[in-house]
Amino acid sequence: MHYGNLDRDTAAGRIYRDLSARRGQWCDAWVLMTETRTTAVSTRVSEVRAQLEASGRDERIEVDQRGKKWFYRIVAEPKQMELIA
């Protein structure tokens, strides 16, 4: 998959910066689209998810659908506990 870099002014980068600025707060897809001047928000969110996972950042994007509206937010990835034998 070809996607825009999170650290540059690409559609995925703008989505990432906007959601990061709202850390933990839900954001409506329409608001996200207008504020980041981006179309196909769900596709851009998929790009951001792929890059977060590949880069090993301790963040993840959560999605919620309420009626016909979609909401997104970035939250910290919970740390996994190690079992001590």
PDB file of N, CA and C in Angstrom:
ATOM      1  N   MET A   1       0.847  -1.176   0.000  1.00  0.00           N
ATOM      2  CA  MET A   1       0.000   0.000   0.000  1.00  0.00           C
ATOM      3  C   MET A   1       0.893   1.239   0.000  1.00  0.00           C
ATOM      4  N   HIS A   2       0.588   2.182  -0.851  1.00  0.00           N
ATOM      5  CA  HIS A   2       1.314   3.448  -0.871  1.00  0.00           C
ATOM      6  C   HIS A   2       0.524   4.450  -0.040  1.00  0.00           C
ATOM      7  N   TYR A   3       1.210   5.122   0.842  1.00  0.00           N
ATOM      8  CA  TYR A   3       0.498   6.068   1.680  1.00  0.00           C
ATOM      9  C   TYR A   3       1.390   7.253   2.015  1.00  0.00           C
ATOM     10  N   GLY A   4       0.734   8.341   2.453  1.00  0.00           N
ATOM     11  CA  GLY A   4       1.461   9.558   2.790  1.00  0.00           C
ATOM     12  C   GLY A   4       2.151   9.438   4.138  1.00  0.00           C
ATOM     13  N   ASN A   5       3.275  10.077   4.244  1.00  0.00           N
ATOM     14  CA  ASN A   5       4.073  10.065   5.461  1.00  0.00           C
ATOM     15  C   ASN A   5       3.364  10.843   6.572  1.00  0.00           C
ATOM     16  N   LEU A   6       3.372  10.300   7.791  1.00  0.00           N
ATOM     17  CA  LEU A   6       2.727  10.964   8.924  1.00  0.00           C
ATOM     18  C   LEU A   6       3.414  12.264   9.318  1.00  0.00           C
ATOM     19  N   ASP A   7       4.691  12.368   9.020  1.00  0.00           N
ATOM     20  CA  ASP A   7       5.464  13.524   9.449  1.00  0.00           C
ATOM     21  C   ASP A   7       5.505  14.649   8.409  1.00  0.00           C
ATOM     22  N   ARG A   8       4.792  14.480   7.311  1.00  0.00           N
ATOM     23  CA  ARG A   8       4.769  15.507   6.252  1.00  0.00           C
ATOM     24  C   ARG A   8       3.352  16.025   6.056  1.00  0.00           C
ATOM     25  N   ASP A   9       3.218  17.023   5.198  1.00  0.00           N
ATOM     26  CA  ASP A   9       1.907  17.600   4.924  1.00  0.00           C
ATOM     27  C   ASP A   9       1.180  16.786   3.858  1.00  0.00           C
ATOM     28  N   THR A  10       0.871  15.551   4.216  1.00  0.00           N
ATOM     29  CA  THR A  10       0.083  14.671   3.351  1.00  0.00           C
ATOM     30  C   THR A  10      -1.296  14.539   3.994  1.00  0.00           C
ATOM     31  N   ALA A  11      -2.229  13.950   3.278  1.00  0.00           N
ATOM     32  CA  ALA A  11      -3.568  13.749   3.850  1.00  0.00           C
ATOM     33  C   ALA A  11      -3.481  12.932   5.139  1.00  0.00           C
ATOM     34  N   ALA A  12      -2.709  11.853   5.121  1.00  0.00           N
ATOM     35  CA  ALA A  12      -2.552  11.019   6.315  1.00  0.00           C
ATOM     36  C   ALA A  12      -1.867  11.806   7.428  1.00  0.00           C
ATOM     37  N   GLY A  13      -0.879  12.604   7.081  1.00  0.00           N
ATOM     38  CA  GLY A  13      -0.172  13.411   8.070  1.00  0.00           C
ATOM     39  C   GLY A  13      -1.082  14.435   8.732  1.00  0.00           C
ATOM     40  N   ARG A  14      -1.950  15.071   7.937  1.00  0.00           N
ATOM     41  CA  ARG A  14      -2.886  16.052   8.495  1.00  0.00           C
ATOM     42  C   ARG A  14      -3.903  15.377   9.415  1.00  0.00           C
ATOM     43  N   ILE A  15      -4.396  14.212   9.015  1.00  0.00           N
ATOM     44  CA  ILE A  15      -5.328  13.451   9.865  1.00  0.00           C
ATOM     45  C   ILE A  15      -4.638  13.107  11.187  1.00  0.00           C
ATOM     46  N   TYR A  16      -3.409  12.606  11.096  1.00  0.00           N
ATOM     47  CA  TYR A  16      -2.667  12.224  12.297  1.00  0.00           C
ATOM     48  C   TYR A  16      -2.452  13.425  13.228  1.00  0.00           C
ATOM     49  N   ARG A  17      -2.022  14.552  12.681  1.00  0.00           N
ATOM     50  CA  ARG A  17      -1.782  15.737  13.507  1.00  0.00           C
ATOM     51  C   ARG A  17      -3.065  16.231  14.181  1.00  0.00           C
ATOM     52  N   ASP A  18      -4.168  16.220  13.422  1.00  0.00           N
ATOM     53  CA  ASP A  18      -5.434  16.696  13.988  1.00  0.00           C
ATOM     54  C   ASP A  18      -5.900  15.776  15.117  1.00  0.00           C
ATOM     55  N   LEU A  19      -5.861  14.472  14.896  1.00  0.00           N
ATOM     56  CA  LEU A  19      -6.294  13.543  15.934  1.00  0.00           C
ATOM     57  C   LEU A  19      -5.347  13.572  17.136  1.00  0.00           C
ATOM     58  N   SER A  20      -4.054  13.752  16.886  1.00  0.00           N
ATOM     59  CA  SER A  20      -3.088  13.825  17.985  1.00  0.00           C
ATOM     60  C   SER A  20      -3.341  15.054  18.855  1.00  0.00           C
ATOM     61  N   ALA A  21      -3.715  16.157  18.223  1.00  0.00           N
ATOM     62  CA  ALA A  21      -4.002  17.386  18.962  1.00  0.00           C
ATOM     63  C   ALA A  21      -5.230  17.218  19.861  1.00  0.00           C
ATOM     64  N   ARG A  22      -6.128  16.323  19.484  1.00  0.00           N
ATOM     65  CA  ARG A  22      -7.345  16.067  20.265  1.00  0.00           C
ATOM     66  C   ARG A  22      -7.188  14.857  21.184  1.00  0.00           C
ATOM     67  N   ARG A  23      -6.013  14.361  21.340  1.00  0.00           N
ATOM     68  CA  ARG A  23      -5.692  13.117  22.054  1.00  0.00           C
ATOM     69  C   ARG A  23      -6.807  12.651  23.009  1.00  0.00           C
ATOM     70  N   GLY A  24      -7.411  11.522  22.660  1.00  0.00           N
ATOM     71  CA  GLY A  24      -8.429  10.908  23.507  1.00  0.00           C
ATOM     72  C   GLY A  24      -9.845  11.410  23.282  1.00  0.00           C
ATOM     73  N   GLN A  25     -10.010  12.493  22.539  1.00  0.00           N
ATOM     74  CA  GLN A  25     -11.345  13.045  22.294  1.00  0.00           C
ATOM     75  C   GLN A  25     -11.873  12.526  20.962  1.00  0.00           C
ATOM     76  N   TRP A  26     -13.144  12.159  20.931  1.00  0.00           N
ATOM     77  CA  TRP A  26     -13.752  11.690  19.685  1.00  0.00           C
ATOM     78  C   TRP A  26     -13.906  12.849  18.717  1.00  0.00           C
ATOM     79  N   CYS A  27     -13.687  12.586  17.441  1.00  0.00           N
ATOM     80  CA  CYS A  27     -13.826  13.601  16.393  1.00  0.00           C
ATOM     81  C   CYS A  27     -14.687  13.033  15.271  1.00  0.00           C
ATOM     82  N   ASP A  28     -15.714  13.759  14.909  1.00  0.00           N
ATOM     83  CA  ASP A  28     -16.618  13.385  13.824  1.00  0.00           C
ATOM     84  C   ASP A  28     -15.856  13.387  12.495  1.00  0.00           C
ATOM     85  N   ALA A  29     -16.130  12.413  11.653  1.00  0.00           N
ATOM     86  CA  ALA A  29     -15.442  12.300  10.364  1.00  0.00           C
ATOM     87  C   ALA A  29     -15.642  13.554   9.508  1.00  0.00           C
ATOM     88  N   TRP A  30     -16.829  14.152   9.558  1.00  0.00           N
ATOM     89  CA  TRP A  30     -17.090  15.354   8.768  1.00  0.00           C
ATOM     90  C   TRP A  30     -16.203  16.505   9.235  1.00  0.00           C
ATOM     91  N   VAL A  31     -16.090  16.700  10.532  1.00  0.00           N
ATOM     92  CA  VAL A  31     -15.230  17.745  11.094  1.00  0.00           C
ATOM     93  C   VAL A  31     -13.782  17.474  10.704  1.00  0.00           C
ATOM     94  N   LEU A  32     -13.368  16.225  10.837  1.00  0.00           N
ATOM     95  CA  LEU A  32     -12.005  15.841  10.477  1.00  0.00           C
ATOM     96  C   LEU A  32     -11.726  16.130   9.001  1.00  0.00           C
ATOM     97  N   MET A  33     -12.694  15.817   8.158  1.00  0.00           N
ATOM     98  CA  MET A  33     -12.538  16.046   6.719  1.00  0.00           C
ATOM     99  C   MET A  33     -12.398  17.535   6.397  1.00  0.00           C
ATOM    100  N   THR A  34     -13.240  18.359   6.993  1.00  0.00           N
ATOM    101  CA  THR A  34     -13.193  19.792   6.681  1.00  0.00           C
ATOM    102  C   THR A  34     -11.968  20.475   7.280  1.00  0.00           C
ATOM    103  N   GLU A  35     -11.577  20.094   8.480  1.00  0.00           N
ATOM    104  CA  GLU A  35     -10.427  20.741   9.118  1.00  0.00           C
ATOM    105  C   GLU A  35      -9.089  20.334   8.505  1.00  0.00           C
ATOM    106  N   THR A  36      -9.031  19.130   7.938  1.00  0.00           N
ATOM    107  CA  THR A  36      -7.767  18.668   7.358  1.00  0.00           C
ATOM    108  C   THR A  36      -7.743  18.776   5.840  1.00  0.00           C
ATOM    109  N   ARG A  37      -8.836  19.285   5.250  1.00  0.00           N
ATOM    110  CA  ARG A  37      -8.935  19.412   3.792  1.00  0.00           C
ATOM    111  C   ARG A  37      -8.632  18.067   3.115  1.00  0.00           C
ATOM    112  N   THR A  38      -9.315  17.024   3.600  1.00  0.00           N
ATOM    113  CA  THR A  38      -9.057  15.665   3.151  1.00  0.00           C
ATOM    114  C   THR A  38     -10.360  14.981   2.760  1.00  0.00           C
ATOM    115  N   THR A  39     -10.291  14.151   1.746  1.00  0.00           N
ATOM    116  CA  THR A  39     -11.433  13.309   1.408  1.00  0.00           C
ATOM    117  C   THR A  39     -11.091  11.869   1.776  1.00  0.00           C
ATOM    118  N   ALA A  40     -12.057  10.995   1.699  1.00  0.00           N
ATOM    119  CA  ALA A  40     -11.864   9.569   2.008  1.00  0.00           C
ATOM    120  C   ALA A  40     -11.207   9.383   3.373  1.00  0.00           C
ATOM    121  N   VAL A  41     -11.828   9.959   4.398  1.00  0.00           N
ATOM    122  CA  VAL A  41     -11.260   9.943   5.746  1.00  0.00           C
ATOM    123  C   VAL A  41     -10.976   8.521   6.219  1.00  0.00           C
ATOM    124  N   SER A  42     -11.889   7.594   5.983  1.00  0.00           N
ATOM    125  CA  SER A  42     -11.666   6.217   6.466  1.00  0.00           C
ATOM    126  C   SER A  42     -10.426   5.592   5.827  1.00  0.00           C
ATOM    127  N   THR A  43     -10.164   5.922   4.574  1.00  0.00           N
ATOM    128  CA  THR A  43      -8.961   5.421   3.908  1.00  0.00           C
ATOM    129  C   THR A  43      -7.716   6.041   4.529  1.00  0.00           C
ATOM    130  N   ARG A  44      -7.760   7.337   4.794  1.00  0.00           N
ATOM    131  CA  ARG A  44      -6.621   8.014   5.415  1.00  0.00           C
ATOM    132  C   ARG A  44      -6.364   7.481   6.822  1.00  0.00           C
ATOM    133  N   VAL A  45      -7.432   7.189   7.558  1.00  0.00           N
ATOM    134  CA  VAL A  45      -7.281   6.615   8.896  1.00  0.00           C
ATOM    135  C   VAL A  45      -6.607   5.248   8.803  1.00  0.00           C
ATOM    136  N   SER A  46      -6.965   4.464   7.788  1.00  0.00           N
ATOM    137  CA  SER A  46      -6.309   3.164   7.582  1.00  0.00           C
ATOM    138  C   SER A  46      -4.815   3.346   7.313  1.00  0.00           C
ATOM    139  N   GLU A  47      -4.471   4.361   6.546  1.00  0.00           N
ATOM    140  CA  GLU A  47      -3.060   4.657   6.276  1.00  0.00           C
ATOM    141  C   GLU A  47      -2.328   5.002   7.565  1.00  0.00           C
ATOM    142  N   VAL A  48      -2.957   5.836   8.392  1.00  0.00           N
ATOM    143  CA  VAL A  48      -2.344   6.231   9.660  1.00  0.00           C
ATOM    144  C   VAL A  48      -2.168   5.007  10.560  1.00  0.00           C
ATOM    145  N   ARG A  49      -3.195   4.176  10.630  1.00  0.00           N
ATOM    146  CA  ARG A  49      -3.096   2.953  11.449  1.00  0.00           C
ATOM    147  C   ARG A  49      -1.927   2.081  11.019  1.00  0.00           C
ATOM    148  N   ALA A  50      -1.792   1.885   9.711  1.00  0.00           N
ATOM    149  CA  ALA A  50      -0.703   1.047   9.193  1.00  0.00           C
ATOM    150  C   ALA A  50       0.653   1.620   9.570  1.00  0.00           C
ATOM    151  N   GLN A  51       0.785   2.933   9.476  1.00  0.00           N
ATOM    152  CA  GLN A  51       2.067   3.557   9.803  1.00  0.00           C
ATOM    153  C   GLN A  51       2.353   3.549  11.299  1.00  0.00           C
ATOM    154  N   LEU A  52       1.320   3.726  12.119  1.00  0.00           N
ATOM    155  CA  LEU A  52       1.523   3.662  13.566  1.00  0.00           C
ATOM    156  C   LEU A  52       2.020   2.275  13.971  1.00  0.00           C
ATOM    157  N   GLU A  53       1.407   1.265  13.395  1.00  0.00           N
ATOM    158  CA  GLU A  53       1.802  -0.109  13.700  1.00  0.00           C
ATOM    159  C   GLU A  53       3.220  -0.399  13.206  1.00  0.00           C
ATOM    160  N   ALA A  54       3.531   0.021  11.990  1.00  0.00           N
ATOM    161  CA  ALA A  54       4.848  -0.248  11.400  1.00  0.00           C
ATOM    162  C   ALA A  54       5.968   0.501  12.119  1.00  0.00           C
ATOM    163  N   SER A  55       5.658   1.675  12.633  1.00  0.00           N
ATOM    164  CA  SER A  55       6.688   2.489  13.280  1.00  0.00           C
ATOM    165  C   SER A  55       6.894   2.127  14.743  1.00  0.00           C
ATOM    166  N   GLY A  56       5.991   1.322  15.287  1.00  0.00           N
ATOM    167  CA  GLY A  56       6.120   0.927  16.688  1.00  0.00           C
ATOM    168  C   GLY A  56       5.724   2.011  17.675  1.00  0.00           C
ATOM    169  N   ARG A  57       5.015   3.030  17.215  1.00  0.00           N
ATOM    170  CA  ARG A  57       4.562   4.088  18.130  1.00  0.00           C
ATOM    171  C   ARG A  57       3.533   3.500  19.092  1.00  0.00           C
ATOM    172  N   ASP A  58       3.472   4.041  20.274  1.00  0.00           N
ATOM    173  CA  ASP A  58       2.556   3.509  21.289  1.00  0.00           C
ATOM    174  C   ASP A  58       1.189   4.201  21.226  1.00  0.00           C
ATOM    175  N   GLU A  59       0.654   4.324  20.022  1.00  0.00           N
ATOM    176  CA  GLU A  59      -0.651   4.942  19.798  1.00  0.00           C
ATOM    177  C   GLU A  59      -1.484   4.033  18.912  1.00  0.00           C
ATOM    178  N   ARG A  60      -2.796   4.206  19.018  1.00  0.00           N
ATOM    179  CA  ARG A  60      -3.700   3.492  18.111  1.00  0.00           C
ATOM    180  C   ARG A  60      -4.925   4.358  17.880  1.00  0.00           C
ATOM    181  N   ILE A  61      -5.605   4.102  16.790  1.00  0.00           N
ATOM    182  CA  ILE A  61      -6.815   4.849  16.460  1.00  0.00           C
ATOM    183  C   ILE A  61      -8.021   3.972  16.764  1.00  0.00           C
ATOM    184  N   GLU A  62      -8.972   4.544  17.485  1.00  0.00           N
ATOM    185  CA  GLU A  62     -10.227   3.860  17.767  1.00  0.00           C
ATOM    186  C   GLU A  62     -11.309   4.469  16.890  1.00  0.00           C
ATOM    187  N   VAL A  63     -12.280   3.643  16.519  1.00  0.00           N
ATOM    188  CA  VAL A  63     -13.382   4.066  15.646  1.00  0.00           C
ATOM    189  C   VAL A  63     -14.692   3.741  16.335  1.00  0.00           C
ATOM    190  N   ASP A  64     -15.668   4.625  16.189  1.00  0.00           N
ATOM    191  CA  ASP A  64     -16.994   4.396  16.746  1.00  0.00           C
ATOM    192  C   ASP A  64     -18.026   4.897  15.742  1.00  0.00           C
ATOM    193  N   GLN A  65     -19.062   4.114  15.537  1.00  0.00           N
ATOM    194  CA  GLN A  65     -20.152   4.542  14.659  1.00  0.00           C
ATOM    195  C   GLN A  65     -21.383   4.789  15.519  1.00  0.00           C
ATOM    196  N   ARG A  66     -21.940   5.991  15.384  1.00  0.00           N
ATOM    197  CA  ARG A  66     -23.157   6.365  16.112  1.00  0.00           C
ATOM    198  C   ARG A  66     -24.202   6.761  15.079  1.00  0.00           C
ATOM    199  N   GLY A  67     -25.137   5.869  14.862  1.00  0.00           N
ATOM    200  CA  GLY A  67     -26.112   6.098  13.793  1.00  0.00           C
ATOM    201  C   GLY A  67     -25.394   6.038  12.462  1.00  0.00           C
ATOM    202  N   LYS A  68     -25.485   7.126  11.693  1.00  0.00           N
ATOM    203  CA  LYS A  68     -24.802   7.170  10.399  1.00  0.00           C
ATOM    204  C   LYS A  68     -23.487   7.931  10.458  1.00  0.00           C
ATOM    205  N   LYS A  69     -23.089   8.364  11.632  1.00  0.00           N
ATOM    206  CA  LYS A  69     -21.855   9.149  11.772  1.00  0.00           C
ATOM    207  C   LYS A  69     -20.715   8.287  12.289  1.00  0.00           C
ATOM    208  N   TRP A  70     -19.512   8.583  11.788  1.00  0.00           N
ATOM    209  CA  TRP A  70     -18.304   7.891  12.211  1.00  0.00           C
ATOM    210  C   TRP A  70     -17.447   8.855  13.017  1.00  0.00           C
ATOM    211  N   PHE A  71     -16.849   8.322  14.092  1.00  0.00           N
ATOM    212  CA  PHE A  71     -15.997   9.108  14.974  1.00  0.00           C
ATOM    213  C   PHE A  71     -14.659   8.394  15.135  1.00  0.00           C
ATOM    214  N   TYR A  72     -13.599   9.186  15.268  1.00  0.00           N
ATOM    215  CA  TYR A  72     -12.245   8.646  15.409  1.00  0.00           C
ATOM    216  C   TYR A  72     -11.542   9.347  16.559  1.00  0.00           C
ATOM    217  N   ARG A  73     -10.584   8.636  17.176  1.00  0.00           N
ATOM    218  CA  ARG A  73      -9.718   9.250  18.173  1.00  0.00           C
ATOM    219  C   ARG A  73      -8.421   8.461  18.274  1.00  0.00           C
ATOM    220  N   ILE A  74      -7.372   9.148  18.712  1.00  0.00           N
ATOM    221  CA  ILE A  74      -6.086   8.494  18.977  1.00  0.00           C
ATOM    222  C   ILE A  74      -5.954   8.348  20.482  1.00  0.00           C
ATOM    223  N   VAL A  75      -5.565   7.161  20.895  1.00  0.00           N
ATOM    224  CA  VAL A  75      -5.311   6.898  22.314  1.00  0.00           C
ATOM    225  C   VAL A  75      -3.967   6.186  22.440  1.00  0.00           C
ATOM    226  N   ALA A  76      -3.427   6.227  23.635  1.00  0.00           N
ATOM    227  CA  ALA A  76      -2.166   5.525  23.889  1.00  0.00           C
ATOM    228  C   ALA A  76      -2.425   4.023  23.892  1.00  0.00           C
ATOM    229  N   GLU A  77      -1.529   3.296  23.285  1.00  0.00           N
ATOM    230  CA  GLU A  77      -1.613   1.833  23.266  1.00  0.00           C
ATOM    231  C   GLU A  77      -1.273   1.331  24.660  1.00  0.00           C
ATOM    232  N   PRO A  78      -2.146   0.488  25.247  1.00  0.00           N
ATOM    233  CA  PRO A  78      -1.822  -0.023  26.575  1.00  0.00           C
ATOM    234  C   PRO A  78      -0.562  -0.890  26.544  1.00  0.00           C
ATOM    235  N   LYS A  79       0.255  -0.738  27.547  1.00  0.00           N
ATOM    236  CA  LYS A  79       1.477  -1.538  27.648  1.00  0.00           C
ATOM    237  C   LYS A  79       1.107  -2.952  28.065  1.00  0.00           C
ATOM    238  N   GLN A  80       1.794  -3.932  27.476  1.00  0.00           N
ATOM    239  CA  GLN A  80       1.561  -5.316  27.863  1.00  0.00           C
ATOM    240  C   GLN A  80       2.449  -5.664  29.048  1.00  0.00           C
ATOM    241  N   MET A  81       1.883  -6.421  29.939  1.00  0.00           N
ATOM    242  CA  MET A  81       2.642  -6.838  31.112  1.00  0.00           C
ATOM    243  C   MET A  81       3.435  -8.100  30.809  1.00  0.00           C
ATOM    244  N   GLU A  82       4.612  -8.179  31.362  1.00  0.00           N
ATOM    245  CA  GLU A  82       5.431  -9.371  31.196  1.00  0.00           C
ATOM    246  C   GLU A  82       5.147 -10.324  32.348  1.00  0.00           C
ATOM    247  N   LEU A  83       5.079 -11.608  32.027  1.00  0.00           N
ATOM    248  CA  LEU A  83       4.937 -12.610  33.058  1.00  0.00           C
ATOM    249  C   LEU A  83       6.315 -12.966  33.592  1.00  0.00           C
ATOM    250  N   ILE A  84       6.423 -12.975  34.882  1.00  0.00           N
ATOM    251  CA  ILE A  84       7.701 -13.336  35.507  1.00  0.00           C
ATOM    252  C   ILE A  84       7.563 -14.748  36.075  1.00  0.00           C
ATOM    253  N   ALA A  85       8.463 -15.610  35.668  1.00  0.00           N
ATOM    254  CA  ALA A  85       8.374 -17.002  36.106  1.00  0.00           C
ATOM    255  C   ALA A  85       9.042 -17.214  37.444  1.00  0.00           C
TER     256      ALA A  85
END
